C-alpha cells in the first residue's frame, strides 16, 4: 500500500500528507532558519500497519536533506524511525543526537 501512496507537502497547513479516501495521514512540521522540527504525526486506523507513517517520515527527511536543514524529531514516531537508522543521524540537529544511539 505505501508504495502506491503519494505524499504531498501542504505548505498552508505545514504538514506532509497522504490521503486514502476520506482519511488523511500527516506529519506536521515547523520551519525556523536552518531547522525543520517534526512535532506530531497522525496515522488514522485505515492506514495502520501499511507503512504510511514511514513514508511520511521519508518524505520529511528527503525534504530536509534536499534543503540542507537540520532535523529536530520531537515527534516520538520520527525519533524512533531515525534512531533505528544510523545513516539518518547526520540529519539530526546536534542538540538532539543524544539518545539516537542504538544498542
N, C-alpha and C. Protein backbone atom coordinates (compact mmCIF):
# COMPACT_ATOMS: atom_id res chain seq x y z
N UNK A 1 0.81 -1.20 0.00
CA UNK A 1 0.00 0.00 0.00
C UNK A 1 0.84 1.26 0.00
N UNK A 2 1.87 1.35 0.86
CA UNK A 2 2.67 2.56 0.95
C UNK A 2 3.35 2.88 -0.37
N UNK A 3 3.69 1.87 -1.16
CA UNK A 3 4.34 2.10 -2.45
C UNK A 3 3.41 2.84 -3.40
N UNK A 4 2.12 2.64 -3.29
CA UNK A 4 1.14 3.28 -4.16
C UNK A 4 0.70 4.65 -3.66
N UNK A 5 1.12 5.01 -2.47
CA UNK A 5 0.66 6.23 -1.82
C UNK A 5 1.55 7.41 -2.17
N UNK A 6 0.94 8.53 -2.44
CA UNK A 6 1.68 9.76 -2.73
C UNK A 6 1.65 10.66 -1.50
N UNK A 7 2.82 11.13 -1.11
CA UNK A 7 2.92 12.09 -0.02
C UNK A 7 3.13 13.46 -0.63
N UNK A 8 2.33 14.42 -0.19
CA UNK A 8 2.46 15.79 -0.68
C UNK A 8 2.81 16.71 0.48
N UNK A 9 3.44 17.81 0.15
CA UNK A 9 3.78 18.81 1.15
C UNK A 9 2.72 19.90 1.09
N UNK A 10 1.95 20.02 2.15
CA UNK A 10 0.91 21.03 2.25
C UNK A 10 1.50 22.21 3.03
N UNK A 11 2.00 23.20 2.30
CA UNK A 11 2.66 24.33 2.96
C UNK A 11 1.68 25.22 3.73
N UNK A 12 0.42 25.26 3.31
CA UNK A 12 -0.57 26.07 4.02
C UNK A 12 -0.80 25.55 5.43
N UNK A 13 -0.86 24.22 5.57
CA UNK A 13 -1.09 23.60 6.88
C UNK A 13 0.19 23.14 7.55
N UNK A 14 1.33 23.35 6.90
CA UNK A 14 2.65 22.96 7.41
C UNK A 14 2.67 21.47 7.81
N UNK A 15 2.38 20.63 6.80
CA UNK A 15 2.46 19.20 7.05
C UNK A 15 2.64 18.41 5.75
N UNK A 16 3.22 17.25 5.90
CA UNK A 16 3.30 16.29 4.81
C UNK A 16 2.08 15.40 4.94
N UNK A 17 1.40 15.13 3.82
CA UNK A 17 0.12 14.42 3.87
C UNK A 17 0.06 13.27 2.88
N UNK A 18 -0.72 12.27 3.26
CA UNK A 18 -1.05 11.15 2.38
C UNK A 18 -2.53 10.86 2.60
N UNK A 19 -3.29 10.80 1.51
CA UNK A 19 -4.74 10.60 1.61
C UNK A 19 -5.14 9.22 1.12
N UNK A 20 -6.15 8.67 1.79
CA UNK A 20 -6.77 7.40 1.39
C UNK A 20 -8.26 7.58 1.62
N UNK A 21 -9.01 7.73 0.53
CA UNK A 21 -10.44 8.01 0.66
C UNK A 21 -10.64 9.32 1.38
N UNK A 22 -11.44 9.28 2.44
CA UNK A 22 -11.70 10.49 3.22
C UNK A 22 -10.70 10.69 4.35
N UNK A 23 -9.78 9.77 4.52
CA UNK A 23 -8.80 9.82 5.62
C UNK A 23 -7.49 10.45 5.14
N UNK A 24 -6.84 11.18 6.03
CA UNK A 24 -5.54 11.77 5.72
C UNK A 24 -4.58 11.50 6.86
N UNK A 25 -3.45 10.93 6.51
CA UNK A 25 -2.34 10.76 7.46
C UNK A 25 -1.43 11.96 7.25
N UNK A 26 -0.82 12.44 8.33
CA UNK A 26 0.04 13.61 8.16
C UNK A 26 1.14 13.68 9.21
N UNK A 27 2.18 14.40 8.82
CA UNK A 27 3.29 14.71 9.73
C UNK A 27 3.45 16.22 9.71
N UNK A 28 3.21 16.83 10.85
CA UNK A 28 3.33 18.28 10.96
C UNK A 28 4.80 18.67 10.98
N UNK A 29 5.08 19.88 10.48
CA UNK A 29 6.45 20.38 10.55
C UNK A 29 6.44 21.87 10.87
N UNK A 30 7.56 22.34 11.38
CA UNK A 30 7.76 23.76 11.65
C UNK A 30 9.14 24.13 11.11
N UNK A 31 9.20 25.18 10.31
CA UNK A 31 10.47 25.65 9.77
C UNK A 31 10.92 26.88 10.55
N UNK A 32 12.20 26.89 10.92
CA UNK A 32 12.79 28.04 11.60
C UNK A 32 14.27 28.09 11.23
N UNK A 33 14.63 29.07 10.42
CA UNK A 33 16.02 29.19 10.00
C UNK A 33 16.48 27.97 9.24
N UNK A 34 17.53 27.33 9.75
CA UNK A 34 18.10 26.16 9.08
C UNK A 34 17.62 24.84 9.69
N UNK A 35 16.46 24.89 10.35
CA UNK A 35 15.95 23.72 11.08
C UNK A 35 14.50 23.44 10.72
N UNK A 36 14.19 22.15 10.60
CA UNK A 36 12.81 21.70 10.45
C UNK A 36 12.51 20.79 11.64
N UNK A 37 11.45 21.11 12.35
CA UNK A 37 11.04 20.32 13.51
C UNK A 37 9.79 19.54 13.13
N UNK A 38 9.78 18.27 13.51
CA UNK A 38 8.62 17.41 13.29
C UNK A 38 8.00 17.10 14.65
N UNK A 39 6.94 17.85 15.04
CA UNK A 39 6.37 17.69 16.38
C UNK A 39 5.27 16.64 16.52
N UNK A 40 4.63 16.28 15.40
CA UNK A 40 3.43 15.44 15.56
C UNK A 40 3.13 14.71 14.27
N UNK A 41 2.79 13.42 14.39
CA UNK A 41 2.40 12.60 13.25
C UNK A 41 1.09 11.91 13.59
N UNK A 42 0.17 11.89 12.63
CA UNK A 42 -1.12 11.22 12.82
C UNK A 42 -1.32 10.24 11.67
N UNK A 43 -1.56 8.98 12.03
CA UNK A 43 -1.86 7.95 11.04
C UNK A 43 -3.19 7.32 11.44
N UNK A 44 -4.26 7.62 10.71
CA UNK A 44 -5.58 7.05 11.04
C UNK A 44 -5.56 5.53 10.96
N UNK A 45 -6.50 4.91 11.65
CA UNK A 45 -6.60 3.45 11.68
C UNK A 45 -6.64 2.83 10.29
N UNK A 46 -7.24 3.53 9.32
CA UNK A 46 -7.34 3.00 7.96
C UNK A 46 -5.96 2.74 7.34
N UNK A 47 -4.93 3.43 7.85
CA UNK A 47 -3.57 3.30 7.33
C UNK A 47 -2.69 2.37 8.18
N UNK A 48 -3.16 1.99 9.35
CA UNK A 48 -2.33 1.26 10.31
C UNK A 48 -1.70 0.01 9.70
N UNK A 49 -0.40 -0.15 9.99
CA UNK A 49 0.32 -1.34 9.57
C UNK A 49 0.62 -1.40 8.08
N UNK A 50 0.48 -0.30 7.38
CA UNK A 50 0.67 -0.30 5.92
C UNK A 50 1.89 0.50 5.48
N UNK A 51 2.70 0.94 6.42
CA UNK A 51 3.92 1.66 6.07
C UNK A 51 3.74 3.13 5.77
N UNK A 52 2.57 3.65 6.05
CA UNK A 52 2.27 5.03 5.72
C UNK A 52 3.07 6.00 6.59
N UNK A 53 3.18 5.70 7.87
CA UNK A 53 3.96 6.55 8.77
C UNK A 53 5.40 6.67 8.30
N UNK A 54 5.98 5.55 7.91
CA UNK A 54 7.35 5.55 7.41
C UNK A 54 7.50 6.37 6.15
N UNK A 55 6.51 6.31 5.30
CA UNK A 55 6.55 7.09 4.06
C UNK A 55 6.48 8.59 4.36
N UNK A 56 5.70 8.98 5.36
CA UNK A 56 5.64 10.38 5.77
C UNK A 56 7.00 10.85 6.30
N UNK A 57 7.62 10.01 7.12
CA UNK A 57 8.94 10.35 7.66
C UNK A 57 9.95 10.49 6.52
N UNK A 58 9.94 9.54 5.61
CA UNK A 58 10.88 9.59 4.49
C UNK A 58 10.71 10.86 3.68
N UNK A 59 9.47 11.26 3.43
CA UNK A 59 9.23 12.50 2.67
C UNK A 59 9.78 13.71 3.41
N UNK A 60 9.53 13.77 4.71
CA UNK A 60 10.04 14.88 5.51
C UNK A 60 11.56 14.93 5.55
N UNK A 61 12.18 13.77 5.69
CA UNK A 61 13.64 13.73 5.75
C UNK A 61 14.27 14.01 4.39
N UNK A 62 13.62 13.59 3.34
CA UNK A 62 14.11 13.90 1.99
C UNK A 62 14.08 15.41 1.77
N UNK A 63 12.99 16.03 2.18
CA UNK A 63 12.88 17.48 2.07
C UNK A 63 14.00 18.16 2.86
N UNK A 64 14.23 17.69 4.09
CA UNK A 64 15.27 18.27 4.93
C UNK A 64 16.64 18.14 4.26
N UNK A 65 16.95 16.97 3.74
CA UNK A 65 18.25 16.75 3.10
C UNK A 65 18.39 17.64 1.86
N UNK A 66 17.36 17.69 1.04
CA UNK A 66 17.42 18.49 -0.18
C UNK A 66 17.59 19.99 0.10
N UNK A 67 17.08 20.44 1.23
CA UNK A 67 17.15 21.86 1.58
C UNK A 67 18.21 22.16 2.64
N UNK A 68 19.04 21.15 2.92
CA UNK A 68 20.15 21.29 3.88
C UNK A 68 19.68 21.83 5.24
N UNK A 69 18.62 21.21 5.74
CA UNK A 69 18.04 21.59 7.03
C UNK A 69 18.41 20.59 8.10
N UNK A 70 18.63 21.09 9.31
CA UNK A 70 18.77 20.22 10.47
C UNK A 70 17.38 19.71 10.83
N UNK A 71 17.31 18.50 11.34
CA UNK A 71 16.04 17.90 11.74
C UNK A 71 15.97 17.83 13.26
N UNK A 72 14.84 18.28 13.80
CA UNK A 72 14.55 18.10 15.23
C UNK A 72 13.33 17.17 15.31
N UNK A 73 13.57 15.90 15.58
CA UNK A 73 12.47 14.93 15.64
C UNK A 73 11.82 14.88 17.02
N UNK A 74 11.00 15.89 17.34
CA UNK A 74 10.36 15.91 18.65
C UNK A 74 9.17 14.95 18.71
N UNK A 75 8.65 14.55 17.56
CA UNK A 75 7.60 13.53 17.50
C UNK A 75 8.23 12.18 17.80
N UNK A 76 7.62 11.42 18.69
CA UNK A 76 8.17 10.10 19.08
C UNK A 76 8.31 9.16 17.89
N UNK A 77 7.39 9.22 16.94
CA UNK A 77 7.46 8.35 15.76
C UNK A 77 8.68 8.70 14.91
N UNK A 78 8.89 10.00 14.64
CA UNK A 78 10.05 10.43 13.87
C UNK A 78 11.33 10.03 14.60
N UNK A 79 11.38 10.27 15.89
CA UNK A 79 12.57 9.97 16.68
C UNK A 79 12.90 8.48 16.61
N UNK A 80 11.91 7.64 16.80
CA UNK A 80 12.13 6.18 16.77
C UNK A 80 12.58 5.72 15.39
N UNK A 81 11.97 6.27 14.35
CA UNK A 81 12.33 5.90 12.97
C UNK A 81 13.80 6.23 12.71
N UNK A 82 14.21 7.43 13.08
CA UNK A 82 15.59 7.87 12.85
C UNK A 82 16.55 7.09 13.73
N UNK A 83 16.19 6.85 14.98
CA UNK A 83 17.08 6.16 15.92
C UNK A 83 17.47 4.78 15.40
N UNK A 84 16.57 4.12 14.69
CA UNK A 84 16.83 2.78 14.16
C UNK A 84 17.69 2.79 12.89
N UNK A 85 17.97 3.97 12.36
CA UNK A 85 18.67 4.08 11.08
C UNK A 85 19.86 5.04 11.21
N UNK A 86 21.02 4.51 11.61
CA UNK A 86 22.20 5.37 11.81
C UNK A 86 22.57 6.22 10.59
N UNK A 87 22.21 5.77 9.40
CA UNK A 87 22.53 6.54 8.20
C UNK A 87 21.76 7.86 8.13
N UNK A 88 20.77 8.03 9.01
CA UNK A 88 19.99 9.28 9.05
C UNK A 88 20.43 10.21 10.17
N UNK A 89 21.27 9.75 11.06
CA UNK A 89 21.65 10.53 12.23
C UNK A 89 22.32 11.85 11.87
N UNK A 90 22.99 11.91 10.71
CA UNK A 90 23.67 13.14 10.31
C UNK A 90 22.69 14.29 10.06
N UNK A 91 21.42 13.95 9.81
CA UNK A 91 20.41 14.99 9.59
C UNK A 91 19.95 15.65 10.89
N UNK A 92 20.09 14.95 11.98
CA UNK A 92 19.54 15.40 13.26
C UNK A 92 20.39 16.53 13.84
N UNK A 93 19.70 17.55 14.29
CA UNK A 93 20.35 18.70 14.92
C UNK A 93 21.27 18.19 16.03
N UNK A 94 22.50 18.70 16.11
CA UNK A 94 23.44 18.22 17.13
C UNK A 94 22.88 18.24 18.55
N UNK A 95 22.01 19.20 18.86
CA UNK A 95 21.42 19.28 20.20
C UNK A 95 20.49 18.12 20.51
N UNK A 96 20.09 17.36 19.48
CA UNK A 96 19.11 16.29 19.68
C UNK A 96 19.66 14.90 19.37
N UNK A 97 20.95 14.79 19.19
CA UNK A 97 21.53 13.49 18.82
C UNK A 97 21.65 12.53 20.00
N UNK A 98 21.70 13.05 21.19
CA UNK A 98 21.77 12.16 22.35
C UNK A 98 20.51 11.31 22.38
N UNK A 99 20.68 10.04 22.62
CA UNK A 99 19.53 9.14 22.67
C UNK A 99 19.24 8.49 21.33
N UNK A 100 19.99 8.83 20.28
CA UNK A 100 19.79 8.19 18.99
C UNK A 100 20.58 6.91 18.85
N UNK A 101 21.60 6.75 19.67
CA UNK A 101 22.43 5.54 19.55
C UNK A 101 21.58 4.30 19.77
N UNK A 102 21.75 3.35 18.90
CA UNK A 102 21.01 2.09 19.03
C UNK A 102 21.88 1.12 19.80
N UNK A 103 21.26 0.26 20.61
CA UNK A 103 22.03 -0.69 21.42
C UNK A 103 22.76 -1.70 20.55
